[in-house]
Amino acid sequence: MNRLEFRKLPQLSYPVNEAFNTLSTNVSFLGRDIKKIMLTSSHASEGKSFTSLTLCRKLAERGKRVVLVDTDLRRSMITTVYGVQFAPGSKKQGLSHYLAGIAEKEEVLFHTNVPGMDFIPMGHELLNPIPLLSSERFQNLLDGLAEEYDYVIVDAAPVGVVIDAAEIAKVCDGILLVVSYNQVHRQELIDAKNQLEQTGCPILGTILNQVDYEGFANKKYYYKSHYSSYYKAYEKEAEEKKS
């Protein structure tokens, strides 16, 4: 299989790391029938791709075989933001090449530097990917991956911006909606929820992202004072180890 590396994997602070440990645990409790999970958001810059990638990392740490599929064919963030670098000899092909019939699955599926996690990059950006995303070839791809992996995590475009996510949801087992804290209006969430519900794919839950943990700790909303001190000590220890 081809190989690539994520050269800019994000470093997780203690509270973020714990939040994703909880998320991966909750996902593992969803049952064996929930394998193809799509992540989307109301609009751009809510941290959807960060959440997709980090969830995959955490599931892989739990010993699960995971594949991340980048279906944001209009404007992918994963490849650029996280420094995807293809290994020498690997063709720079991805999902768009496969859906167009230019490449086969084995040519667009990559091992990564995250043990237990494989990745299908987007390929080329497309102005209108709907015909490809609504094709039988796309459904067959996800179904085939679900037979090989414990989880297929699908990073989709924001549902409040383009219709792509609603189309992708039709062939997934469940949806996780990423919501940026204090940046999304209530009506935007309602509109996103209504649109996703029309696909027939169940919404498994929402993920509140970009939370000011320091603010929560000070106000004692989510963390008591000793927990706040604990994760600060954890971060300090991590910094000392780096130096």
C-alpha atoms as a PDB file:
ATOM      1  CA  MET A   1       0.000   0.000   0.000  1.00  0.00           C
ATOM      2  CA  ASN A   2       1.105   3.588  -0.643  1.00  0.00           C
ATOM      3  CA  ARG A   3       2.363   5.703   2.244  1.00  0.00           C
ATOM      4  CA  LEU A   4       2.146   9.318   3.332  1.00  0.00           C
ATOM      5  CA  GLU A   5       2.874  11.325   6.452  1.00  0.00           C
ATOM      6  CA  PHE A   6       1.062  14.019   8.379  1.00  0.00           C
ATOM      7  CA  ARG A   7       3.988  16.348   9.055  1.00  0.00           C
ATOM      8  CA  LYS A   8       1.989  18.771  11.202  1.00  0.00           C
ATOM      9  CA  LEU A   9      -0.046  16.632  13.574  1.00  0.00           C
ATOM     10  CA  PRO A  10      -1.516  18.951  16.230  1.00  0.00           C
ATOM     11  CA  GLN A  11      -0.239  18.762  19.791  1.00  0.00           C
ATOM     12  CA  LEU A  12      -3.113  18.284  22.219  1.00  0.00           C
ATOM     13  CA  SER A  13      -3.351  20.068  25.552  1.00  0.00           C
ATOM     14  CA  TYR A  14      -4.456  18.000  28.526  1.00  0.00           C
ATOM     15  CA  PRO A  15      -8.158  19.023  28.497  1.00  0.00           C
ATOM     16  CA  VAL A  16      -8.409  18.583  24.720  1.00  0.00           C
ATOM     17  CA  ASN A  17      -6.721  15.193  24.935  1.00  0.00           C
ATOM     18  CA  GLU A  18      -9.151  14.103  27.651  1.00  0.00           C
ATOM     19  CA  ALA A  19     -12.118  15.408  25.675  1.00  0.00           C
ATOM     20  CA  PHE A  20     -11.126  13.299  22.675  1.00  0.00           C
ATOM     21  CA  ASN A  21     -10.528  10.276  24.883  1.00  0.00           C
ATOM     22  CA  THR A  22     -14.120  10.680  26.035  1.00  0.00           C
ATOM     23  CA  LEU A  23     -15.342  11.156  22.470  1.00  0.00           C
ATOM     24  CA  SER A  24     -13.582   8.025  21.215  1.00  0.00           C
ATOM     25  CA  THR A  25     -15.013   6.066  24.148  1.00  0.00           C
ATOM     26  CA  ASN A  26     -18.522   7.264  23.338  1.00  0.00           C
ATOM     27  CA  VAL A  27     -18.067   6.349  19.676  1.00  0.00           C
ATOM     28  CA  SER A  28     -16.965   2.848  20.667  1.00  0.00           C
ATOM     29  CA  PHE A  29     -20.249   2.455  22.586  1.00  0.00           C
ATOM     30  CA  LEU A  30     -22.392   3.192  19.527  1.00  0.00           C
ATOM     31  CA  GLY A  31     -22.544  -0.448  18.501  1.00  0.00           C
ATOM     32  CA  ARG A  32     -21.199  -2.600  15.703  1.00  0.00           C
ATOM     33  CA  ASP A  33     -23.679  -1.267  13.158  1.00  0.00           C
ATOM     34  CA  ILE A  34     -22.297   2.286  13.371  1.00  0.00           C
ATOM     35  CA  LYS A  35     -19.085   2.181  11.354  1.00  0.00           C
ATOM     36  CA  LYS A  36     -19.350   4.864   8.660  1.00  0.00           C
ATOM     37  CA  ILE A  37     -19.443   8.150  10.573  1.00  0.00           C
ATOM     38  CA  MET A  38     -19.600  11.506   8.810  1.00  0.00           C
ATOM     39  CA  LEU A  39     -18.410  14.706  10.478  1.00  0.00           C
ATOM     40  CA  THR A  40     -19.701  18.050   9.276  1.00  0.00           C
ATOM     41  CA  SER A  41     -20.416  21.542  10.615  1.00  0.00           C
ATOM     42  CA  SER A  42     -22.714  24.475   9.955  1.00  0.00           C
ATOM     43  CA  HIS A  43     -20.039  26.571   8.274  1.00  0.00           C
ATOM     44  CA  ALA A  44     -16.284  26.750   7.732  1.00  0.00           C
ATOM     45  CA  SER A  45     -13.619  27.254  10.424  1.00  0.00           C
ATOM     46  CA  GLU A  46     -15.411  25.314  13.157  1.00  0.00           C
ATOM     47  CA  GLY A  47     -12.618  22.749  13.497  1.00  0.00           C
ATOM     48  CA  LYS A  48     -14.345  19.922  11.635  1.00  0.00           C
ATOM     49  CA  SER A  49     -11.205  18.542   9.981  1.00  0.00           C
ATOM     50  CA  PHE A  50      -9.192  18.828  13.207  1.00  0.00           C
ATOM     51  CA  THR A  51     -11.927  16.880  14.976  1.00  0.00           C
ATOM     52  CA  SER A  52     -12.061  14.209  12.263  1.00  0.00           C
ATOM     53  CA  LEU A  53      -8.305  13.681  12.281  1.00  0.00           C
ATOM     54  CA  THR A  54      -7.985  13.686  16.069  1.00  0.00           C
ATOM     55  CA  LEU A  55     -10.901  11.300  16.523  1.00  0.00           C
ATOM     56  CA  CYS A  56      -9.176   8.903  14.120  1.00  0.00           C
ATOM     57  CA  ARG A  57      -5.944   9.152  16.092  1.00  0.00           C
ATOM     58  CA  LYS A  58      -7.722   8.400  19.352  1.00  0.00           C
ATOM     59  CA  LEU A  59      -9.647   5.455  17.939  1.00  0.00           C
ATOM     60  CA  ALA A  60      -6.392   4.072  16.534  1.00  0.00           C
ATOM     61  CA  GLU A  61      -4.769   4.435  19.966  1.00  0.00           C
ATOM     62  CA  ARG A  62      -7.556   2.231  21.315  1.00  0.00           C
ATOM     63  CA  GLY A  63      -6.461  -0.504  18.918  1.00  0.00           C
ATOM     64  CA  LYS A  64      -9.136   0.123  16.299  1.00  0.00           C
ATOM     65  CA  ARG A  65      -8.430  -0.040  12.578  1.00  0.00           C
ATOM     66  CA  VAL A  66      -9.527   3.317  11.220  1.00  0.00           C
ATOM     67  CA  VAL A  67      -9.590   4.988   7.823  1.00  0.00           C
ATOM     68  CA  LEU A  68     -10.135   8.715   7.322  1.00  0.00           C
ATOM     69  CA  VAL A  69     -11.794   9.679   4.032  1.00  0.00           C
ATOM     70  CA  ASP A  70     -11.447  13.301   2.929  1.00  0.00           C
ATOM     71  CA  THR A  71     -14.653  14.038   1.008  1.00  0.00           C
ATOM     72  CA  ASP A  72     -14.359  17.829   1.133  1.00  0.00           C
ATOM     73  CA  LEU A  73     -13.607  17.902  -2.580  1.00  0.00           C
ATOM     74  CA  ARG A  74     -14.223  21.628  -2.989  1.00  0.00           C
ATOM     75  CA  ARG A  75     -11.782  22.930  -0.384  1.00  0.00           C
ATOM     76  CA  SER A  76      -9.938  20.329   1.654  1.00  0.00           C
ATOM     77  CA  MET A  77      -8.175  21.519   4.791  1.00  0.00           C
ATOM     78  CA  ILE A  78      -6.558  18.255   5.878  1.00  0.00           C
ATOM     79  CA  THR A  79      -3.903  18.036   3.170  1.00  0.00           C
ATOM     80  CA  THR A  80      -2.699  21.631   3.503  1.00  0.00           C
ATOM     81  CA  VAL A  81      -3.124  22.356   7.212  1.00  0.00           C
ATOM     82  CA  TYR A  82      -1.647  19.092   8.483  1.00  0.00           C
ATOM     83  CA  GLY A  83       1.253  18.908   6.053  1.00  0.00           C
ATOM     84  CA  VAL A  84       0.412  15.759   4.111  1.00  0.00           C
ATOM     85  CA  GLN A  85       3.559  14.530   2.382  1.00  0.00           C
ATOM     86  CA  PHE A  86       3.451  11.610  -0.015  1.00  0.00           C
ATOM     87  CA  ALA A  87       6.246   9.057   0.206  1.00  0.00           C
ATOM     88  CA  PRO A  88       8.652   8.801  -2.753  1.00  0.00           C
ATOM     89  CA  GLY A  89       7.137   6.627  -5.449  1.00  0.00           C
ATOM     90  CA  SER A  90       3.559   7.133  -4.264  1.00  0.00           C
ATOM     91  CA  LYS A  91       1.183   8.677  -6.766  1.00  0.00           C
ATOM     92  CA  LYS A  92      -0.535  11.826  -5.540  1.00  0.00           C
ATOM     93  CA  GLN A  93      -4.004  10.506  -6.181  1.00  0.00           C
ATOM     94  CA  GLY A  94      -7.102  10.598  -4.042  1.00  0.00           C
ATOM     95  CA  LEU A  95     -10.850  10.272  -3.807  1.00  0.00           C
ATOM     96  CA  SER A  96     -11.635  12.397  -6.854  1.00  0.00           C
ATOM     97  CA  HIS A  97      -9.409  10.173  -9.014  1.00  0.00           C
ATOM     98  CA  TYR A  98     -11.127   7.047  -7.728  1.00  0.00           C
ATOM     99  CA  LEU A  99     -14.653   8.388  -8.221  1.00  0.00           C
ATOM    100  CA  ALA A 100     -13.793   9.523 -11.749  1.00  0.00           C
ATOM    101  CA  GLY A 101     -12.605   6.007 -12.588  1.00  0.00           C
ATOM    102  CA  ILE A 102      -9.003   7.118 -13.075  1.00  0.00           C
ATOM    103  CA  ALA A 103      -7.660   5.085 -10.133  1.00  0.00           C
ATOM    104  CA  GLU A 104      -8.642   2.043  -8.100  1.00  0.00           C
ATOM    105  CA  LYS A 105      -9.103   1.894  -4.345  1.00  0.00           C
ATOM    106  CA  GLU A 106      -5.649   0.430  -3.710  1.00  0.00           C
ATOM    107  CA  GLU A 107      -4.087   3.404  -5.509  1.00  0.00           C
ATOM    108  CA  VAL A 108      -5.771   6.062  -3.356  1.00  0.00           C
ATOM    109  CA  LEU A 109      -5.605   4.316   0.040  1.00  0.00           C
ATOM    110  CA  PHE A 110      -2.524   5.265   2.072  1.00  0.00           C
ATOM    111  CA  HIS A 111      -0.869   4.002   5.225  1.00  0.00           C
ATOM    112  CA  THR A 112       0.084   6.923   7.485  1.00  0.00           C
ATOM    113  CA  ASN A 113       2.525   7.700  10.278  1.00  0.00           C
ATOM    114  CA  VAL A 114      -0.368   7.243  12.726  1.00  0.00           C
ATOM    115  CA  PRO A 115      -0.309   3.524  13.621  1.00  0.00           C
ATOM    116  CA  GLY A 116      -3.634   1.862  12.861  1.00  0.00           C
ATOM    117  CA  MET A 117      -4.916   4.757  10.745  1.00  0.00           C
ATOM    118  CA  ASP A 118      -5.108   4.867   6.946  1.00  0.00           C
ATOM    119  CA  PHE A 119      -6.173   7.805   4.815  1.00  0.00           C
ATOM    120  CA  ILE A 120      -7.828   8.560   1.479  1.00  0.00           C
ATOM    121  CA  PRO A 121      -6.929  12.137   0.487  1.00  0.00           C
ATOM    122  CA  MET A 122      -9.225  14.305  -1.592  1.00  0.00           C
ATOM    123  CA  GLY A 123      -7.245  14.250  -4.838  1.00  0.00           C
ATOM    124  CA  HIS A 124      -8.066  17.258  -7.027  1.00  0.00           C
ATOM    125  CA  GLU A 125     -10.437  20.051  -6.009  1.00  0.00           C
ATOM    126  CA  LEU A 126     -13.718  20.057  -7.918  1.00  0.00           C
ATOM    127  CA  LEU A 127     -16.204  22.847  -8.527  1.00  0.00           C
ATOM    128  CA  ASN A 128     -19.160  20.452  -8.443  1.00  0.00           C
ATOM    129  CA  PRO A 129     -18.436  17.068  -6.830  1.00  0.00           C
ATOM    130  CA  ILE A 130     -22.109  16.132  -6.347  1.00  0.00           C
ATOM    131  CA  PRO A 131     -22.333  13.781  -9.376  1.00  0.00           C
ATOM    132  CA  LEU A 132     -19.344  11.830  -8.046  1.00  0.00           C
ATOM    133  CA  LEU A 133     -20.432  11.825  -4.397  1.00  0.00           C
ATOM    134  CA  SER A 134     -23.909  10.612  -5.324  1.00  0.00           C
ATOM    135  CA  SER A 135     -22.577   7.789  -7.487  1.00  0.00           C
ATOM    136  CA  GLU A 136     -22.821   4.078  -6.770  1.00  0.00           C
ATOM    137  CA  ARG A 137     -19.034   3.935  -6.934  1.00  0.00           C
ATOM    138  CA  PHE A 138     -18.791   6.177  -3.859  1.00  0.00           C
ATOM    139  CA  GLN A 139     -21.286   4.093  -1.894  1.00  0.00           C
ATOM    140  CA  ASN A 140     -19.459   0.904  -2.849  1.00  0.00           C
ATOM    141  CA  LEU A 141     -16.190   2.438  -1.663  1.00  0.00           C
ATOM    142  CA  LEU A 142     -17.535   3.266   1.809  1.00  0.00           C
ATOM    143  CA  ASP A 143     -19.278  -0.094   2.112  1.00  0.00           C
ATOM    144  CA  GLY A 144     -16.084  -1.899   1.160  1.00  0.00           C
ATOM    145  CA  LEU A 145     -14.023   0.098   3.646  1.00  0.00           C
ATOM    146  CA  ALA A 146     -16.542  -0.680   6.397  1.00  0.00           C
ATOM    147  CA  GLU A 147     -15.861  -4.374   5.836  1.00  0.00           C
ATOM    148  CA  GLU A 148     -12.104  -3.874   6.204  1.00  0.00           C
ATOM    149  CA  TYR A 149     -11.953  -1.326   9.037  1.00  0.00           C
ATOM    150  CA  ASP A 150     -13.553  -0.906  12.436  1.00  0.00           C
ATOM    151  CA  TYR A 151     -14.434   2.716  11.622  1.00  0.00           C
ATOM    152  CA  VAL A 152     -14.680   4.803   8.469  1.00  0.00           C
ATOM    153  CA  ILE A 153     -14.481   8.474   9.464  1.00  0.00           C
ATOM    154  CA  VAL A 154     -15.745  10.749   6.689  1.00  0.00           C
ATOM    155  CA  ASP A 155     -14.668  14.392   6.747  1.00  0.00           C
ATOM    156  CA  ALA A 156     -17.341  16.277   4.775  1.00  0.00           C
ATOM    157  CA  ALA A 157     -17.842  19.882   3.706  1.00  0.00           C
ATOM    158  CA  PRO A 158     -19.920  22.182   5.967  1.00  0.00           C
ATOM    159  CA  VAL A 159     -23.598  21.388   5.509  1.00  0.00           C
ATOM    160  CA  GLY A 160     -24.585  25.033   5.867  1.00  0.00           C
ATOM    161  CA  VAL A 161     -22.391  26.061   2.934  1.00  0.00           C
ATOM    162  CA  VAL A 162     -22.866  23.383   0.252  1.00  0.00           C
ATOM    163  CA  ILE A 163     -25.127  20.373  -0.212  1.00  0.00           C
ATOM    164  CA  ASP A 164     -22.285  17.813  -0.349  1.00  0.00           C
ATOM    165  CA  ALA A 165     -22.596  16.616   3.263  1.00  0.00           C
ATOM    166  CA  ALA A 166     -26.313  15.929   2.903  1.00  0.00           C
ATOM    167  CA  GLU A 167     -25.571  13.739  -0.110  1.00  0.00           C
ATOM    168  CA  ILE A 168     -22.745  11.893   1.648  1.00  0.00           C
ATOM    169  CA  ALA A 169     -24.875  11.284   4.744  1.00  0.00           C
ATOM    170  CA  LYS A 170     -27.237   9.101   2.727  1.00  0.00           C
ATOM    171  CA  VAL A 171     -24.598   6.352   2.595  1.00  0.00           C
ATOM    172  CA  CYS A 172     -23.283   6.712   6.164  1.00  0.00           C
ATOM    173  CA  ASP A 173     -24.407   5.119   9.425  1.00  0.00           C
ATOM    174  CA  GLY A 174     -24.387   8.263  11.526  1.00  0.00           C
ATOM    175  CA  ILE A 175     -23.486  11.947  11.726  1.00  0.00           C
ATOM    176  CA  LEU A 176     -21.456  13.963  14.216  1.00  0.00           C
ATOM    177  CA  LEU A 177     -22.075  17.701  13.987  1.00  0.00           C
ATOM    178  CA  VAL A 178     -19.114  19.869  15.015  1.00  0.00           C
ATOM    179  CA  VAL A 179     -20.151  23.159  16.613  1.00  0.00           C
ATOM    180  CA  SER A 180     -17.741  25.998  17.338  1.00  0.00           C
ATOM    181  CA  TYR A 181     -18.357  27.436  20.802  1.00  0.00           C
ATOM    182  CA  ASN A 182     -19.913  30.928  20.803  1.00  0.00           C
ATOM    183  CA  GLN A 183     -19.550  31.277  17.017  1.00  0.00           C
ATOM    184  CA  VAL A 184     -22.697  29.673  15.642  1.00  0.00           C
ATOM    185  CA  HIS A 185     -26.185  31.121  15.824  1.00  0.00           C
ATOM    186  CA  ARG A 186     -29.018  28.955  17.087  1.00  0.00           C
ATOM    187  CA  GLN A 187     -30.897  29.213  13.797  1.00  0.00           C
ATOM    188  CA  GLU A 188     -27.839  28.000  11.877  1.00  0.00           C
ATOM    189  CA  LEU A 189     -27.781  24.864  14.013  1.00  0.00           C
ATOM    190  CA  ILE A 190     -31.498  24.330  13.535  1.00  0.00           C
ATOM    191  CA  ASP A 191     -31.123  24.675   9.764  1.00  0.00           C
ATOM    192  CA  ALA A 192     -28.189  22.240   9.728  1.00  0.00           C
ATOM    193  CA  LYS A 193     -30.101  19.756  11.883  1.00  0.00           C
ATOM    194  CA  ASN A 194     -33.188  19.944   9.674  1.00  0.00           C
ATOM    195  CA  GLN A 195     -31.188  19.451   6.501  1.00  0.00           C
ATOM    196  CA  LEU A 196     -29.301  16.469   7.891  1.00  0.00           C
ATOM    197  CA  GLU A 197     -32.448  14.830   9.243  1.00  0.00           C
ATOM    198  CA  GLN A 198     -33.925  14.844   5.747  1.00  0.00           C
ATOM    199  CA  THR A 199     -31.174  12.466   4.621  1.00  0.00           C
ATOM    200  CA  GLY A 200     -32.466   9.673   6.847  1.00  0.00           C
ATOM    201  CA  CYS A 201     -29.049   9.290   8.479  1.00  0.00           C
ATOM    202  CA  PRO A 202     -29.232   9.593  12.284  1.00  0.00           C
ATOM    203  CA  ILE A 203     -27.456  12.450  14.028  1.00  0.00           C
ATOM    204  CA  LEU A 204     -25.387  10.724  16.697  1.00  0.00           C
ATOM    205  CA  GLY A 205     -24.594  13.922  18.559  1.00  0.00           C
ATOM    206  CA  THR A 206     -22.805  17.240  18.495  1.00  0.00           C
ATOM    207  CA  ILE A 207     -19.198  18.046  19.361  1.00  0.00           C
ATOM    208  CA  LEU A 208     -18.628  21.415  21.015  1.00  0.00           C
ATOM    209  CA  ASN A 209     -15.295  22.670  19.718  1.00  0.00           C
ATOM    210  CA  GLN A 210     -12.941  25.592  20.372  1.00  0.00           C
ATOM    211  CA  VAL A 211     -14.061  25.862  23.985  1.00  0.00           C
ATOM    212  CA  ASP A 212     -12.183  28.216  26.303  1.00  0.00           C
ATOM    213  CA  TYR A 213     -11.233  25.609  28.905  1.00  0.00           C
ATOM    214  CA  GLU A 214      -9.453  28.205  31.016  1.00  0.00           C
ATOM    215  CA  GLY A 215     -12.656  30.199  31.222  1.00  0.00           C
ATOM    216  CA  PHE A 216     -14.660  27.134  32.152  1.00  0.00           C
ATOM    217  CA  ALA A 217     -12.136  26.222  34.814  1.00  0.00           C
ATOM    218  CA  ASN A 218     -12.196  29.694  36.348  1.00  0.00           C
ATOM    219  CA  LYS A 219     -15.983  29.740  36.451  1.00  0.00           C
ATOM    220  CA  LYS A 220     -16.092  26.150  37.733  1.00  0.00           C
ATOM    221  CA  TYR A 221     -18.576  25.151  35.055  1.00  0.00           C
ATOM    222  CA  TYR A 222     -16.912  21.939  33.957  1.00  0.00           C
ATOM    223  CA  TYR A 223     -13.765  21.614  36.017  1.00  0.00           C
ATOM    224  CA  LYS A 224     -13.337  22.087  39.723  1.00  0.00           C
ATOM    225  CA  SER A 225     -10.295  24.032  40.809  1.00  0.00           C
ATOM    226  CA  HIS A 226      -8.158  20.971  41.539  1.00  0.00           C
ATOM    227  CA  TYR A 227      -8.801  19.586  38.047  1.00  0.00           C
ATOM    228  CA  SER A 228      -7.729  22.911  36.589  1.00  0.00           C
ATOM    229  CA  SER A 229      -4.512  22.777  38.595  1.00  0.00           C
ATOM    230  CA  TYR A 230      -3.972  19.183  37.533  1.00  0.00           C
ATOM    231  CA  TYR A 231      -4.092  19.791  33.808  1.00  0.00           C
ATOM    232  CA  LYS A 232      -1.924  22.892  34.144  1.00  0.00           C
ATOM    233  CA  ALA A 233       0.672  20.759  35.930  1.00  0.00           C
ATOM    234  CA  TYR A 234       0.343  18.157  33.194  1.00  0.00           C
ATOM    235  CA  GLU A 235       1.019  20.747  30.483  1.00  0.00           C
ATOM    236  CA  LYS A 236       3.978  22.158  32.434  1.00  0.00           C
ATOM    237  CA  GLU A 237       5.478  18.683  32.774  1.00  0.00           C
ATOM    238  CA  ALA A 238       5.008  18.062  29.053  1.00  0.00           C
ATOM    239  CA  GLU A 239       6.791  21.317  28.209  1.00  0.00           C
ATOM    240  CA  GLU A 240       9.695  20.435  30.521  1.00  0.00           C
ATOM    241  CA  LYS A 241      10.092  17.067  28.802  1.00  0.00           C
ATOM    242  CA  LYS A 242      10.271  18.773  25.407  1.00  0.00           C
ATOM    243  CA  SER A 243      13.031  21.079  26.594  1.00  0.00           C
END
